[in-house]
């Protein structure tokens, strides 16, 4: 293993999700619905799964094709009230001598009280702003389509999901 905070901070940016849950009117068929909330590092889980060839680096590992990162982050609204959790896994698609510099293709599920939203993204390197595609959902978000923008912060990430209606 390696120190989680160093590499995890960059990957947290993937999360599908900045600091207020602001739902646009679902009744308005012309306007998109925008969700904004914050994902937090505090209370998150993180693992680096090293696939062959195994990293021999001390501290932060090297990343080879097929290595994975798996993490979860709590989601909160503007008042800091917990509203859900992000579950994500990413696969290295561009190797690097430092895992924080590797590129990953990622899939995530945002779990909220009224349903789930699935997202696919590309993470160019740790700490990068991430833009992704909403690929579906359940409950209130059944068959959702749209976009994700996730900007890393010191405490996690500020994210905006825009759902097409």
N, C-alpha and C. Protein backbone atom coordinates (compact mmCIF):
# COMPACT_ATOMS: atom_id res chain seq x y z
N UNK A 1 0.84 -1.18 0.00
CA UNK A 1 0.00 0.00 0.00
C UNK A 1 0.87 1.24 0.00
N UNK A 2 0.29 2.37 -0.17
CA UNK A 2 0.99 3.66 -0.19
C UNK A 2 0.13 4.66 0.54
N UNK A 3 0.65 5.84 0.84
CA UNK A 3 -0.17 6.82 1.56
C UNK A 3 -1.42 7.18 0.77
N UNK A 4 -2.57 6.96 1.34
CA UNK A 4 -3.83 7.20 0.65
C UNK A 4 -4.05 8.66 0.30
N UNK A 5 -3.83 9.62 1.20
CA UNK A 5 -4.18 11.00 0.87
C UNK A 5 -3.50 11.54 -0.38
N UNK A 6 -2.25 11.21 -0.63
CA UNK A 6 -1.52 11.76 -1.76
C UNK A 6 -2.17 11.44 -3.09
N UNK A 7 -2.50 10.21 -3.32
CA UNK A 7 -3.09 9.82 -4.60
C UNK A 7 -4.61 9.94 -4.58
N UNK A 8 -5.23 9.70 -3.42
CA UNK A 8 -6.69 9.70 -3.36
C UNK A 8 -7.29 11.06 -3.64
N UNK A 9 -6.64 12.13 -3.24
CA UNK A 9 -7.19 13.46 -3.47
C UNK A 9 -7.47 13.70 -4.94
N UNK A 10 -6.56 13.28 -5.80
CA UNK A 10 -6.77 13.49 -7.23
C UNK A 10 -7.91 12.65 -7.77
N UNK A 11 -8.03 11.45 -7.28
CA UNK A 11 -9.06 10.57 -7.80
C UNK A 11 -10.43 10.92 -7.27
N UNK A 12 -10.48 11.61 -6.16
CA UNK A 12 -11.76 12.05 -5.61
C UNK A 12 -12.46 12.95 -6.61
N UNK A 13 -11.67 13.67 -7.42
CA UNK A 13 -12.26 14.58 -8.39
C UNK A 13 -13.19 13.89 -9.36
N UNK A 14 -12.99 12.60 -9.52
CA UNK A 14 -13.86 11.85 -10.43
C UNK A 14 -15.30 11.85 -9.98
N UNK A 15 -15.54 11.80 -8.83
CA UNK A 15 -16.82 11.55 -8.28
C UNK A 15 -17.93 12.17 -9.04
N UNK A 16 -18.90 11.69 -9.17
CA UNK A 16 -19.97 12.28 -9.93
C UNK A 16 -20.76 13.19 -9.07
N UNK A 17 -20.15 14.38 -8.74
CA UNK A 17 -20.94 15.11 -7.80
C UNK A 17 -20.56 16.15 -6.87
N UNK A 18 -20.78 19.45 -5.93
CA UNK A 18 -20.28 20.56 -5.36
C UNK A 18 -21.22 21.05 -4.37
N UNK A 19 -21.65 21.69 -3.84
CA UNK A 19 -21.92 21.99 -2.46
C UNK A 19 -23.38 22.29 -2.19
N UNK A 20 -24.29 22.11 -3.05
CA UNK A 20 -25.71 22.28 -2.73
C UNK A 20 -26.50 21.37 -3.63
N UNK A 21 -27.49 20.72 -3.10
CA UNK A 21 -28.36 19.93 -3.95
C UNK A 21 -29.41 20.88 -4.46
N UNK A 22 -29.24 21.29 -5.73
CA UNK A 22 -30.16 22.26 -6.31
C UNK A 22 -30.86 21.61 -7.49
N UNK A 23 -32.05 21.21 -7.29
CA UNK A 23 -32.80 20.54 -8.33
C UNK A 23 -33.61 21.55 -9.13
N UNK A 24 -33.45 21.51 -10.43
CA UNK A 24 -34.30 22.33 -11.29
C UNK A 24 -35.69 21.73 -11.29
N UNK A 25 -36.64 22.45 -11.79
CA UNK A 25 -38.01 21.98 -11.80
C UNK A 25 -38.18 20.81 -12.75
N UNK A 26 -38.58 19.68 -12.21
CA UNK A 26 -38.79 18.50 -13.04
C UNK A 26 -40.02 18.68 -13.92
N UNK A 27 -40.89 19.57 -13.53
CA UNK A 27 -42.11 19.80 -14.31
C UNK A 27 -41.83 20.57 -15.60
N UNK A 28 -40.73 21.26 -15.65
CA UNK A 28 -40.40 22.06 -16.83
C UNK A 28 -39.67 21.20 -17.85
N UNK A 29 -40.34 20.80 -18.89
CA UNK A 29 -39.76 19.91 -19.89
C UNK A 29 -38.69 20.61 -20.73
N UNK A 30 -38.64 21.94 -20.77
CA UNK A 30 -37.67 22.66 -21.58
C UNK A 30 -36.35 22.86 -20.84
N UNK A 31 -36.37 22.90 -19.53
CA UNK A 31 -35.18 23.21 -18.77
C UNK A 31 -34.50 21.96 -18.25
N UNK A 32 -33.16 21.93 -18.33
CA UNK A 32 -32.46 20.79 -17.76
C UNK A 32 -32.51 20.84 -16.23
N UNK A 33 -32.33 19.71 -15.59
CA UNK A 33 -32.25 19.63 -14.14
C UNK A 33 -30.78 19.67 -13.77
N UNK A 34 -30.42 20.51 -12.81
CA UNK A 34 -29.04 20.62 -12.38
C UNK A 34 -28.91 20.17 -10.93
N UNK A 35 -28.00 19.25 -10.68
CA UNK A 35 -27.69 18.78 -9.33
C UNK A 35 -26.29 19.26 -9.01
N UNK A 36 -26.12 19.93 -7.89
CA UNK A 36 -24.78 20.30 -7.45
C UNK A 36 -24.62 19.86 -6.01
N UNK A 37 -23.50 19.26 -5.71
CA UNK A 37 -23.21 18.84 -4.35
C UNK A 37 -21.73 18.62 -4.19
N UNK A 38 -21.31 18.38 -2.97
CA UNK A 38 -19.90 18.21 -2.64
C UNK A 38 -19.66 16.77 -2.21
N UNK A 39 -18.58 16.21 -2.74
CA UNK A 39 -18.14 14.92 -2.23
C UNK A 39 -16.98 15.20 -1.29
N UNK A 40 -16.94 14.46 -0.19
CA UNK A 40 -15.96 14.71 0.86
C UNK A 40 -14.89 13.65 0.93
N UNK A 41 -13.65 14.09 1.21
CA UNK A 41 -12.57 13.14 1.50
C UNK A 41 -12.80 12.50 2.87
N UNK A 42 -13.29 13.30 3.83
CA UNK A 42 -13.54 12.80 5.17
C UNK A 42 -14.67 11.78 5.13
N UNK A 43 -14.38 10.56 5.55
CA UNK A 43 -15.38 9.49 5.51
C UNK A 43 -15.33 8.67 4.24
N UNK A 44 -14.31 8.90 3.40
CA UNK A 44 -14.19 8.15 2.15
C UNK A 44 -13.41 6.86 2.36
N UNK A 45 -13.49 5.98 1.38
CA UNK A 45 -12.66 4.78 1.35
C UNK A 45 -11.88 4.80 0.04
N UNK A 46 -10.71 4.15 0.03
CA UNK A 46 -9.87 4.17 -1.16
C UNK A 46 -8.97 2.93 -1.18
N UNK A 47 -8.84 2.31 -2.37
CA UNK A 47 -7.90 1.19 -2.54
C UNK A 47 -7.29 1.26 -3.93
N UNK A 48 -6.02 0.92 -4.02
CA UNK A 48 -5.32 0.77 -5.29
C UNK A 48 -5.13 -0.72 -5.49
N UNK A 49 -5.63 -1.26 -6.59
CA UNK A 49 -5.52 -2.68 -6.88
C UNK A 49 -4.46 -2.85 -7.96
N UNK A 50 -3.32 -3.39 -7.56
CA UNK A 50 -2.16 -3.53 -8.44
C UNK A 50 -2.24 -4.86 -9.19
N UNK A 51 -2.38 -4.78 -10.50
CA UNK A 51 -2.41 -5.98 -11.34
C UNK A 51 -1.03 -6.21 -11.94
N UNK A 52 -0.77 -7.42 -12.40
CA UNK A 52 0.52 -7.73 -13.02
C UNK A 52 0.73 -6.86 -14.25
N UNK A 53 1.93 -6.37 -14.47
CA UNK A 53 3.12 -6.53 -13.63
C UNK A 53 3.01 -5.68 -12.37
N UNK A 54 3.42 -6.26 -11.23
CA UNK A 54 3.28 -5.60 -9.94
C UNK A 54 4.27 -4.45 -9.81
N UNK A 55 3.84 -3.40 -9.14
CA UNK A 55 4.69 -2.24 -8.89
C UNK A 55 5.77 -2.60 -7.88
N UNK A 56 6.99 -2.19 -8.15
CA UNK A 56 8.09 -2.41 -7.21
C UNK A 56 8.46 -1.11 -6.50
N UNK A 57 7.76 -0.03 -6.82
CA UNK A 57 8.06 1.27 -6.23
C UNK A 57 7.70 1.30 -4.76
N UNK A 58 8.53 2.00 -3.98
CA UNK A 58 8.24 2.21 -2.56
C UNK A 58 7.38 3.46 -2.47
N UNK A 59 6.43 3.48 -1.54
CA UNK A 59 5.52 4.63 -1.44
C UNK A 59 4.45 4.54 -2.51
N UNK A 60 4.29 5.61 -3.27
CA UNK A 60 3.28 5.63 -4.32
C UNK A 60 3.67 4.65 -5.42
N UNK A 61 2.76 3.78 -5.84
CA UNK A 61 3.09 2.77 -6.85
C UNK A 61 3.15 3.33 -8.26
N UNK A 62 3.79 2.58 -9.13
CA UNK A 62 3.67 2.85 -10.56
C UNK A 62 2.32 2.30 -10.98
N UNK A 63 1.81 2.74 -12.12
CA UNK A 63 0.53 2.24 -12.61
C UNK A 63 0.76 1.59 -13.96
N UNK A 64 0.36 0.33 -14.08
CA UNK A 64 0.42 -0.36 -15.36
C UNK A 64 -1.00 -0.53 -15.88
N UNK A 65 -1.11 -0.85 -17.17
CA UNK A 65 -2.44 -1.03 -17.76
C UNK A 65 -3.23 -2.06 -16.98
N UNK A 66 -4.46 -1.74 -16.66
CA UNK A 66 -5.32 -2.67 -15.94
C UNK A 66 -5.34 -2.48 -14.44
N UNK A 67 -4.38 -1.73 -13.88
CA UNK A 67 -4.46 -1.43 -12.45
C UNK A 67 -5.75 -0.68 -12.19
N UNK A 68 -6.25 -0.77 -10.95
CA UNK A 68 -7.54 -0.16 -10.65
C UNK A 68 -7.46 0.67 -9.38
N UNK A 69 -8.30 1.69 -9.35
CA UNK A 69 -8.56 2.39 -8.09
C UNK A 69 -10.05 2.22 -7.81
N UNK A 70 -10.36 2.04 -6.55
CA UNK A 70 -11.74 1.84 -6.12
C UNK A 70 -11.95 2.75 -4.91
N UNK A 71 -13.01 3.56 -4.94
CA UNK A 71 -13.24 4.45 -3.81
C UNK A 71 -14.71 4.78 -3.64
N UNK A 72 -15.03 5.26 -2.45
CA UNK A 72 -16.36 5.79 -2.14
C UNK A 72 -16.17 7.13 -1.44
N UNK A 73 -17.13 8.04 -1.62
CA UNK A 73 -17.10 9.34 -0.96
C UNK A 73 -18.49 9.71 -0.48
N UNK A 74 -18.61 10.27 0.73
CA UNK A 74 -19.90 10.79 1.17
C UNK A 74 -20.25 12.04 0.35
N UNK A 75 -21.54 12.27 0.14
CA UNK A 75 -22.05 13.44 -0.59
C UNK A 75 -22.87 14.28 0.37
N UNK A 76 -22.66 15.61 0.32
CA UNK A 76 -23.39 16.52 1.20
C UNK A 76 -23.96 17.70 0.42
N UNK A 77 -24.99 18.34 1.01
CA UNK A 77 -25.58 19.54 0.41
C UNK A 77 -24.89 20.79 0.98
N UNK A 78 -25.39 21.98 0.68
CA UNK A 78 -24.77 23.23 1.12
C UNK A 78 -24.69 23.36 2.62
N UNK A 79 -25.65 22.81 3.30
CA UNK A 79 -25.65 22.89 4.76
C UNK A 79 -24.74 21.83 5.39
N UNK A 80 -24.14 20.99 4.57
CA UNK A 80 -23.28 19.93 5.08
C UNK A 80 -24.04 18.68 5.47
N UNK A 81 -25.34 18.65 5.13
CA UNK A 81 -26.17 17.48 5.44
C UNK A 81 -25.87 16.37 4.44
N UNK A 82 -25.66 15.19 4.96
CA UNK A 82 -25.38 14.04 4.10
C UNK A 82 -26.60 13.70 3.27
N UNK A 83 -26.39 13.57 1.93
CA UNK A 83 -27.50 13.28 1.03
C UNK A 83 -27.29 12.01 0.22
N UNK A 84 -26.10 11.41 0.32
CA UNK A 84 -25.85 10.21 -0.44
C UNK A 84 -24.40 9.80 -0.40
N UNK A 85 -24.03 8.93 -1.35
CA UNK A 85 -22.66 8.41 -1.42
C UNK A 85 -22.33 8.11 -2.87
N UNK A 86 -21.06 8.33 -3.22
CA UNK A 86 -20.52 8.01 -4.53
C UNK A 86 -19.73 6.71 -4.43
N UNK A 87 -19.95 5.81 -5.38
CA UNK A 87 -19.21 4.55 -5.47
C UNK A 87 -18.54 4.52 -6.84
N UNK A 88 -17.21 4.34 -6.87
CA UNK A 88 -16.52 4.44 -8.15
C UNK A 88 -15.40 3.42 -8.28
N UNK A 89 -15.15 3.03 -9.54
CA UNK A 89 -13.97 2.22 -9.85
C UNK A 89 -13.41 2.72 -11.17
N UNK A 90 -12.07 2.71 -11.25
CA UNK A 90 -11.37 3.23 -12.42
C UNK A 90 -10.29 2.23 -12.83
N UNK A 91 -10.06 2.11 -14.13
CA UNK A 91 -9.05 1.22 -14.67
C UNK A 91 -8.00 2.04 -15.40
N UNK A 92 -6.72 1.78 -15.12
CA UNK A 92 -5.63 2.50 -15.79
C UNK A 92 -5.62 2.14 -17.27
N UNK A 93 -5.66 3.16 -18.11
CA UNK A 93 -5.63 2.96 -19.56
C UNK A 93 -4.37 3.55 -20.18
N UNK A 94 -3.63 4.36 -19.41
CA UNK A 94 -2.32 4.88 -19.80
C UNK A 94 -1.42 4.69 -18.59
N UNK A 95 -0.37 3.89 -18.73
CA UNK A 95 0.54 3.60 -17.63
C UNK A 95 1.42 4.82 -17.32
N UNK A 96 1.95 4.85 -16.10
CA UNK A 96 2.85 5.93 -15.69
C UNK A 96 3.72 5.45 -14.53
N UNK A 97 4.88 6.07 -14.39
CA UNK A 97 5.79 5.72 -13.30
C UNK A 97 5.23 6.12 -11.94
N UNK A 98 4.29 7.04 -11.95
CA UNK A 98 3.59 7.46 -10.74
C UNK A 98 2.10 7.27 -11.00
N UNK A 99 1.42 6.55 -10.10
CA UNK A 99 -0.01 6.31 -10.30
C UNK A 99 -0.78 7.62 -10.42
N UNK A 100 -0.32 8.69 -9.76
CA UNK A 100 -1.01 9.98 -9.83
C UNK A 100 -0.92 10.61 -11.21
N UNK A 101 0.01 10.12 -12.05
CA UNK A 101 0.15 10.67 -13.40
C UNK A 101 -0.46 9.77 -14.47
N UNK A 102 -0.98 8.62 -14.07
CA UNK A 102 -1.60 7.69 -15.01
C UNK A 102 -2.99 8.18 -15.39
N UNK A 103 -3.49 7.73 -16.53
CA UNK A 103 -4.85 8.07 -16.97
C UNK A 103 -5.76 6.86 -16.70
N UNK A 104 -6.99 7.15 -16.29
CA UNK A 104 -7.94 6.12 -15.91
C UNK A 104 -9.29 6.34 -16.59
N UNK A 105 -9.94 5.26 -17.01
CA UNK A 105 -11.33 5.28 -17.45
C UNK A 105 -12.15 4.84 -16.24
N UNK A 106 -13.19 5.62 -15.92
CA UNK A 106 -13.90 5.41 -14.66
C UNK A 106 -15.41 5.27 -14.86
N UNK A 107 -15.99 4.51 -13.97
CA UNK A 107 -17.45 4.38 -13.88
C UNK A 107 -17.83 4.65 -12.43
N UNK A 108 -18.94 5.35 -12.23
CA UNK A 108 -19.37 5.69 -10.88
C UNK A 108 -20.89 5.59 -10.77
N UNK A 109 -21.34 5.38 -9.54
CA UNK A 109 -22.77 5.41 -9.22
C UNK A 109 -22.95 6.39 -8.08
N UNK A 110 -23.80 7.38 -8.30
CA UNK A 110 -24.17 8.35 -7.28
C UNK A 110 -25.47 7.84 -6.66
N UNK A 111 -25.44 7.53 -5.38
CA UNK A 111 -26.62 7.01 -4.69
C UNK A 111 -27.21 8.13 -3.85
N UNK A 112 -28.43 8.53 -4.18
CA UNK A 112 -29.16 9.57 -3.46
C UNK A 112 -30.43 8.96 -2.89
N UNK A 113 -31.13 9.68 -2.03
CA UNK A 113 -32.34 9.17 -1.39
C UNK A 113 -33.45 8.82 -2.36
N UNK A 114 -33.50 9.50 -3.51
CA UNK A 114 -34.59 9.27 -4.46
C UNK A 114 -34.17 8.53 -5.73
N UNK A 115 -32.99 7.92 -5.71
CA UNK A 115 -32.55 7.12 -6.85
C UNK A 115 -31.04 7.16 -7.03
N UNK A 116 -30.59 6.60 -8.13
CA UNK A 116 -29.16 6.55 -8.44
C UNK A 116 -28.91 7.18 -9.80
N UNK A 117 -27.66 7.64 -10.01
CA UNK A 117 -27.22 8.19 -11.29
C UNK A 117 -25.90 7.50 -11.63
N UNK A 118 -25.80 6.97 -12.86
CA UNK A 118 -24.55 6.34 -13.29
C UNK A 118 -23.80 7.30 -14.22
N UNK A 119 -22.45 7.25 -14.10
CA UNK A 119 -21.60 8.18 -14.82
C UNK A 119 -20.36 7.45 -15.36
N UNK A 120 -19.90 7.86 -16.55
CA UNK A 120 -18.63 7.40 -17.09
C UNK A 120 -17.75 8.62 -17.32
N UNK A 121 -16.45 8.50 -16.97
CA UNK A 121 -15.53 9.62 -17.12
C UNK A 121 -14.15 9.14 -17.53
N UNK A 122 -13.32 10.10 -17.92
CA UNK A 122 -11.91 9.87 -18.19
C UNK A 122 -11.13 10.79 -17.27
N UNK A 123 -10.24 10.23 -16.46
CA UNK A 123 -9.40 11.00 -15.55
C UNK A 123 -7.99 11.03 -16.13
N UNK A 124 -7.58 12.19 -16.64
CA UNK A 124 -6.28 12.33 -17.31
C UNK A 124 -5.12 12.15 -16.34
N UNK A 125 -5.27 12.58 -15.11
CA UNK A 125 -4.27 12.43 -14.05
C UNK A 125 -4.89 12.89 -12.75
N UNK A 126 -4.26 12.53 -11.63
CA UNK A 126 -4.77 12.92 -10.33
C UNK A 126 -4.87 14.43 -10.24
N UNK A 127 -5.96 14.93 -9.69
CA UNK A 127 -6.14 16.36 -9.49
C UNK A 127 -6.75 17.08 -10.68
N UNK A 128 -7.00 16.38 -11.77
CA UNK A 128 -7.58 17.02 -12.96
C UNK A 128 -9.07 17.26 -12.77
N UNK A 129 -9.57 18.33 -13.39
CA UNK A 129 -11.01 18.53 -13.48
C UNK A 129 -11.55 17.46 -14.41
N UNK A 130 -12.67 16.89 -14.07
CA UNK A 130 -13.22 15.77 -14.81
C UNK A 130 -14.55 16.18 -15.45
N UNK A 131 -14.71 15.84 -16.71
CA UNK A 131 -15.99 15.99 -17.40
C UNK A 131 -16.43 14.60 -17.82
N UNK A 132 -17.67 14.26 -17.53
CA UNK A 132 -18.15 12.92 -17.83
C UNK A 132 -19.54 12.92 -18.42
N UNK A 133 -20.02 11.72 -18.66
CA UNK A 133 -21.33 11.50 -19.27
C UNK A 133 -22.23 10.74 -18.31
N UNK A 134 -23.43 11.24 -18.09
CA UNK A 134 -24.44 10.51 -17.32
C UNK A 134 -25.02 9.46 -18.26
N UNK A 135 -24.97 8.20 -17.84
CA UNK A 135 -25.38 7.10 -18.71
C UNK A 135 -26.70 6.44 -18.30
N UNK A 136 -27.25 6.85 -17.18
CA UNK A 136 -28.52 6.25 -16.76
C UNK A 136 -28.80 6.53 -15.30
N UNK A 137 -29.81 5.87 -14.78
CA UNK A 137 -30.17 6.05 -13.39
C UNK A 137 -31.38 5.22 -13.03
N UNK A 138 -31.78 5.35 -11.76
CA UNK A 138 -32.97 4.65 -11.26
C UNK A 138 -33.81 5.64 -10.46
N UNK A 139 -35.02 5.23 -10.11
CA UNK A 139 -35.90 6.07 -9.31
C UNK A 139 -36.20 7.37 -10.03
N UNK A 140 -36.06 8.49 -9.35
CA UNK A 140 -36.29 9.81 -9.93
C UNK A 140 -35.43 10.03 -11.17
N UNK A 141 -34.29 9.36 -11.24
CA UNK A 141 -33.33 9.56 -12.33
C UNK A 141 -33.35 8.43 -13.36
N UNK A 142 -34.45 7.68 -13.43
CA UNK A 142 -34.56 6.55 -14.37
C UNK A 142 -34.26 7.03 -15.79
N UNK A 143 -33.39 6.30 -16.44
CA UNK A 143 -32.98 6.56 -17.83
C UNK A 143 -32.35 7.94 -18.02
N UNK A 144 -31.73 8.47 -16.98
CA UNK A 144 -31.12 9.81 -17.05
C UNK A 144 -30.03 9.87 -18.10
N UNK A 145 -29.89 11.05 -18.71
CA UNK A 145 -28.81 11.37 -19.65
C UNK A 145 -28.35 12.77 -19.31
N UNK A 146 -27.06 13.03 -19.49
CA UNK A 146 -26.57 14.36 -19.22
C UNK A 146 -25.06 14.39 -19.09
N UNK A 147 -24.58 15.40 -18.35
CA UNK A 147 -23.13 15.60 -18.20
C UNK A 147 -22.76 15.80 -16.75
N UNK A 148 -21.48 15.58 -16.47
CA UNK A 148 -20.90 15.78 -15.15
C UNK A 148 -19.69 16.69 -15.29
N UNK A 149 -19.53 17.63 -14.35
CA UNK A 149 -18.30 18.40 -14.21
C UNK A 149 -17.89 18.29 -12.76
N UNK A 150 -16.66 17.84 -12.51
CA UNK A 150 -16.17 17.65 -11.16
C UNK A 150 -14.84 18.37 -11.00
N UNK A 151 -14.81 19.35 -10.08
CA UNK A 151 -13.59 20.13 -9.83
C UNK A 151 -13.04 19.79 -8.46
N UNK A 152 -11.77 19.36 -8.41
CA UNK A 152 -11.18 18.99 -7.11
C UNK A 152 -11.04 20.20 -6.19
N UNK A 153 -11.19 19.96 -4.89
CA UNK A 153 -10.98 20.96 -3.85
C UNK A 153 -10.10 20.34 -2.79
N UNK A 154 -9.70 21.12 -1.81
CA UNK A 154 -8.87 20.59 -0.72
C UNK A 154 -9.61 19.55 0.11
N UNK A 155 -10.94 19.67 0.18
CA UNK A 155 -11.71 18.76 1.02
C UNK A 155 -12.44 17.68 0.23
N UNK A 156 -12.30 17.65 -1.09
CA UNK A 156 -12.99 16.65 -1.91
C UNK A 156 -13.16 17.13 -3.34
N UNK A 157 -14.40 17.36 -3.73
CA UNK A 157 -14.68 17.86 -5.09
C UNK A 157 -16.02 18.57 -5.10
N UNK A 158 -16.13 19.60 -5.92
CA UNK A 158 -17.39 20.30 -6.18
C UNK A 158 -17.86 19.84 -7.55
N UNK A 159 -19.03 19.27 -7.59
CA UNK A 159 -19.51 18.65 -8.81
C UNK A 159 -20.87 19.16 -9.22
N UNK A 160 -21.07 19.18 -10.52
CA UNK A 160 -22.36 19.57 -11.10
C UNK A 160 -22.77 18.52 -12.11
N UNK A 161 -23.97 18.00 -11.95
CA UNK A 161 -24.55 17.08 -12.92
C UNK A 161 -25.71 17.82 -13.58
N UNK A 162 -25.68 17.90 -14.90
CA UNK A 162 -26.76 18.53 -15.66
C UNK A 162 -27.49 17.43 -16.40
N UNK A 163 -28.75 17.22 -16.07
CA UNK A 163 -29.55 16.18 -16.69
C UNK A 163 -30.40 16.77 -17.80
N UNK A 164 -30.36 16.15 -18.96
CA UNK A 164 -31.22 16.56 -20.08
C UNK A 164 -32.63 16.08 -19.78
N UNK A 165 -33.60 16.88 -20.16
CA UNK A 165 -34.99 16.47 -19.93
C UNK A 165 -35.69 16.21 -21.22
